[in-house]
Structures are given as structure tokens and as C-alpha cells.
């Protein structure tokens, strides 16, 4: 084997390794994109909606107001 053939074989091996790594990276990026799009569609269902939170907090405030009124009447007696 001549020096030229050894260099060409080394270049071929390095190119094959780099090609494999690039393909794996491309596959990983595609999977991340798919996961991100799925996450974007499921995030709104995982957390409390603003309207639901407001209505629940209003119910708690109403309940606390009733308790406060009862306590006021007890103190007045």
C-alpha cells in the first residue's frame, strides 16, 4: 500500500465516522422538534386556566367573607 492509499483510507474512515455522527445529530434534532411541538400542544392543559383560577379565588374570598361576617356577629354579642 502506498502512502496515497493510506491517506485516502484514513479520509474515508474519518468521513464515515463524521457522517454517522451527523446523521445521529440530525435524528436527535428531529426528535427534539417533535417533542417540542407535542409539549406546546399539551402545556395549556397541564396548568390551571386563568379564568378557572379567578373563579376559584372568588369562591374562596366569598367563603372567607362569610366567615368574617360570622366572627363579627359573634364579637358584637
N, C-alpha and C. Protein backbone atom coordinates (compact mmCIF):
# COMPACT_ATOMS: atom_id res chain seq x y z
N UNK A 1 0.84 -1.18 0.00
CA UNK A 1 0.00 0.00 0.00
C UNK A 1 0.88 1.23 0.00
N UNK A 2 0.49 2.16 -0.84
CA UNK A 2 1.27 3.39 -0.92
C UNK A 2 0.72 4.40 0.09
N UNK A 3 1.46 5.45 0.28
CA UNK A 3 1.07 6.50 1.22
C UNK A 3 -0.25 7.15 0.78
N UNK A 4 -0.44 7.30 -0.52
CA UNK A 4 -1.69 7.88 -1.04
C UNK A 4 -2.90 7.04 -0.64
N UNK A 5 -2.78 5.74 -0.76
CA UNK A 5 -3.89 4.84 -0.43
C UNK A 5 -4.19 4.87 1.07
N UNK A 6 -3.14 4.95 1.88
CA UNK A 6 -3.34 5.03 3.33
C UNK A 6 -4.06 6.32 3.71
N UNK A 7 -3.65 7.43 3.11
CA UNK A 7 -4.30 8.72 3.39
C UNK A 7 -5.75 8.69 2.93
N UNK A 8 -6.01 8.14 1.75
CA UNK A 8 -7.39 8.06 1.25
C UNK A 8 -8.25 7.16 2.13
N UNK A 9 -7.68 6.06 2.61
CA UNK A 9 -8.42 5.17 3.50
C UNK A 9 -8.73 5.87 4.82
N UNK A 10 -7.76 6.63 5.34
CA UNK A 10 -7.98 7.37 6.59
C UNK A 10 -9.06 8.42 6.39
N UNK A 11 -9.01 9.12 5.28
CA UNK A 11 -10.03 10.13 4.98
C UNK A 11 -11.41 9.47 4.86
N UNK A 12 -11.47 8.30 4.25
CA UNK A 12 -12.74 7.59 4.10
C UNK A 12 -13.29 7.18 5.46
N UNK A 13 -12.42 6.68 6.35
CA UNK A 13 -12.86 6.27 7.68
C UNK A 13 -13.34 7.48 8.48
N UNK A 14 -12.59 8.57 8.45
CA UNK A 14 -12.97 9.78 9.17
C UNK A 14 -14.28 10.33 8.62
N UNK A 15 -14.43 10.32 7.30
CA UNK A 15 -15.68 10.80 6.68
C UNK A 15 -16.86 9.93 7.08
N UNK A 16 -16.65 8.61 7.15
CA UNK A 16 -17.74 7.72 7.55
C UNK A 16 -18.14 7.98 8.99
N UNK A 17 -17.16 8.18 9.86
CA UNK A 17 -17.46 8.46 11.27
C UNK A 17 -18.19 9.79 11.40
N UNK A 18 -17.71 10.82 10.72
CA UNK A 18 -18.38 12.12 10.77
C UNK A 18 -19.79 12.05 10.18
N UNK A 19 -19.96 11.29 9.12
CA UNK A 19 -21.29 11.12 8.52
C UNK A 19 -22.25 10.45 9.50
N UNK A 20 -21.77 9.43 10.20
CA UNK A 20 -22.61 8.75 11.19
C UNK A 20 -23.00 9.70 12.31
N UNK A 21 -22.04 10.46 12.80
CA UNK A 21 -22.31 11.42 13.88
C UNK A 21 -23.32 12.47 13.41
N UNK A 22 -23.13 12.98 12.21
CA UNK A 22 -24.06 13.99 11.69
C UNK A 22 -25.47 13.42 11.53
N UNK A 23 -25.58 12.17 11.07
CA UNK A 23 -26.90 11.55 10.94
C UNK A 23 -27.57 11.39 12.30
N UNK A 24 -26.81 10.98 13.30
CA UNK A 24 -27.36 10.83 14.64
C UNK A 24 -27.81 12.18 15.21
N UNK A 25 -27.01 13.21 14.98
CA UNK A 25 -27.39 14.54 15.44
C UNK A 25 -28.65 15.03 14.73
N UNK A 26 -28.76 14.78 13.43
CA UNK A 26 -29.94 15.19 12.67
C UNK A 26 -31.19 14.47 13.20
N UNK A 27 -31.06 13.18 13.48
CA UNK A 27 -32.18 12.41 14.03
C UNK A 27 -32.58 12.95 15.40
N UNK A 28 -31.59 13.28 16.22
CA UNK A 28 -31.88 13.81 17.55
C UNK A 28 -32.59 15.17 17.46
N UNK A 29 -32.16 16.01 16.54
CA UNK A 29 -32.79 17.33 16.37
C UNK A 29 -34.24 17.16 15.90
N UNK A 30 -34.47 16.23 14.99
CA UNK A 30 -35.84 15.99 14.53
C UNK A 30 -36.73 15.50 15.65
N UNK A 31 -36.20 14.62 16.50
CA UNK A 31 -36.98 14.11 17.64
C UNK A 31 -37.25 15.24 18.63
N UNK A 32 -36.28 16.10 18.87
CA UNK A 32 -36.50 17.24 19.76
C UNK A 32 -37.57 18.17 19.23
N UNK A 33 -37.57 18.40 17.93
CA UNK A 33 -38.60 19.25 17.32
C UNK A 33 -39.98 18.63 17.52
N UNK A 34 -40.09 17.33 17.32
CA UNK A 34 -41.38 16.66 17.50
C UNK A 34 -41.81 16.73 18.97
N UNK A 35 -40.88 16.50 19.88
CA UNK A 35 -41.21 16.59 21.30
C UNK A 35 -41.63 18.00 21.69
N UNK A 36 -40.96 18.99 21.14
CA UNK A 36 -41.30 20.38 21.46
C UNK A 36 -42.69 20.73 20.95
N UNK A 37 -43.03 20.30 19.76
CA UNK A 37 -44.36 20.61 19.25
C UNK A 37 -45.44 19.90 20.07
N UNK A 38 -45.15 18.68 20.52
CA UNK A 38 -46.11 17.98 21.38
C UNK A 38 -46.25 18.68 22.72
N UNK A 39 -45.14 19.14 23.26
CA UNK A 39 -45.17 19.86 24.54
C UNK A 39 -45.96 21.16 24.41
N UNK A 40 -45.78 21.86 23.31
CA UNK A 40 -46.51 23.12 23.11
C UNK A 40 -48.01 22.88 23.04
N UNK A 41 -48.41 21.73 22.55
CA UNK A 41 -49.86 21.47 22.47
C UNK A 41 -50.42 20.97 23.79
N UNK A 42 -49.58 20.41 24.67
CA UNK A 42 -50.10 19.88 25.93
C UNK A 42 -49.94 20.84 27.10
N UNK A 43 -49.10 21.83 26.99
CA UNK A 43 -48.88 22.76 28.11
C UNK A 43 -50.16 23.45 28.56
N UNK A 44 -51.00 23.95 27.67
CA UNK A 44 -52.21 24.62 28.16
C UNK A 44 -53.14 23.73 28.97
N UNK A 45 -53.07 22.45 28.79
CA UNK A 45 -53.95 21.56 29.55
C UNK A 45 -53.34 21.13 30.87
N UNK A 46 -52.05 21.35 31.06
CA UNK A 46 -51.38 20.92 32.29
C UNK A 46 -51.54 21.92 33.42
N UNK A 47 -51.72 23.17 33.09
CA UNK A 47 -51.77 24.21 34.11
C UNK A 47 -53.19 24.74 34.26
N UNK A 48 -53.45 25.42 35.35
CA UNK A 48 -54.77 25.98 35.60
C UNK A 48 -55.01 27.16 34.66
N UNK A 49 -56.16 27.16 34.07
CA UNK A 49 -56.51 28.27 33.19
C UNK A 49 -56.76 29.51 34.05
N UNK A 50 -56.50 30.66 33.49
CA UNK A 50 -56.64 31.92 34.23
C UNK A 50 -58.08 32.13 34.71
N UNK A 51 -59.04 31.81 33.87
CA UNK A 51 -60.44 32.00 34.23
C UNK A 51 -60.84 31.07 35.37
N UNK A 52 -60.38 29.83 35.30
CA UNK A 52 -60.69 28.87 36.37
C UNK A 52 -60.09 29.34 37.69
N UNK A 53 -58.87 29.83 37.63
CA UNK A 53 -58.20 30.32 38.84
C UNK A 53 -58.96 31.49 39.44
N UNK A 54 -59.39 32.43 38.59
CA UNK A 54 -60.12 33.59 39.09
C UNK A 54 -61.43 33.18 39.74
N UNK A 55 -62.16 32.26 39.13
CA UNK A 55 -63.44 31.86 39.70
C UNK A 55 -63.24 31.12 41.03
N UNK A 56 -62.21 30.29 41.10
CA UNK A 56 -61.94 29.59 42.36
C UNK A 56 -61.52 30.55 43.46
N UNK A 57 -60.70 31.52 43.14
CA UNK A 57 -60.26 32.50 44.13
C UNK A 57 -61.45 33.35 44.59
N UNK A 58 -62.34 33.69 43.68
CA UNK A 58 -63.54 34.45 44.07
C UNK A 58 -64.41 33.64 45.04
N UNK A 59 -64.53 32.34 44.80
CA UNK A 59 -65.29 31.49 45.72
C UNK A 59 -64.64 31.46 47.10
N UNK A 60 -63.30 31.39 47.14
CA UNK A 60 -62.60 31.38 48.42
C UNK A 60 -62.80 32.71 49.14
N UNK A 61 -62.72 33.81 48.40
CA UNK A 61 -62.94 35.13 49.00
C UNK A 61 -64.35 35.25 49.56
N UNK A 62 -65.34 34.76 48.83
CA UNK A 62 -66.72 34.80 49.31
C UNK A 62 -66.86 33.99 50.60
N UNK A 63 -66.25 32.83 50.61
CA UNK A 63 -66.31 31.98 51.79
C UNK A 63 -65.64 32.66 52.99
N UNK A 64 -64.49 33.27 52.76
CA UNK A 64 -63.80 33.98 53.83
C UNK A 64 -64.60 35.19 54.32
N UNK A 65 -65.27 35.87 53.42
CA UNK A 65 -66.13 37.00 53.82
C UNK A 65 -67.26 36.53 54.73
N UNK A 66 -67.85 35.39 54.40
CA UNK A 66 -68.91 34.85 55.24
C UNK A 66 -68.39 34.51 56.63
N UNK A 67 -67.21 33.91 56.68
CA UNK A 67 -66.61 33.58 57.97
C UNK A 67 -66.33 34.86 58.76
N UNK A 68 -65.81 35.86 58.10
CA UNK A 68 -65.51 37.12 58.76
C UNK A 68 -66.78 37.77 59.31
N UNK A 69 -67.85 37.72 58.52
CA UNK A 69 -69.12 38.28 58.99
C UNK A 69 -69.64 37.53 60.21
N UNK A 70 -69.54 36.23 60.22
CA UNK A 70 -69.98 35.45 61.37
C UNK A 70 -69.14 35.79 62.60
N UNK A 71 -67.86 35.94 62.42
CA UNK A 71 -67.00 36.31 63.53
C UNK A 71 -67.33 37.70 64.06
N UNK A 72 -67.64 38.61 63.17
CA UNK A 72 -68.04 39.96 63.59
C UNK A 72 -69.31 39.92 64.44
N UNK A 73 -70.28 39.09 64.02
CA UNK A 73 -71.51 38.99 64.78
C UNK A 73 -71.27 38.35 66.15
N UNK A 74 -70.34 37.42 66.21
CA UNK A 74 -70.03 36.78 67.49
C UNK A 74 -69.37 37.79 68.44
N UNK A 75 -68.51 38.62 67.92
CA UNK A 75 -67.82 39.62 68.74
C UNK A 75 -68.80 40.66 69.25
N UNK A 76 -69.76 41.04 68.42
CA UNK A 76 -70.73 42.05 68.81
C UNK A 76 -71.62 41.59 69.94
N UNK A 77 -71.82 40.33 70.10
CA UNK A 77 -72.73 39.82 71.15
C UNK A 77 -72.12 39.89 72.48
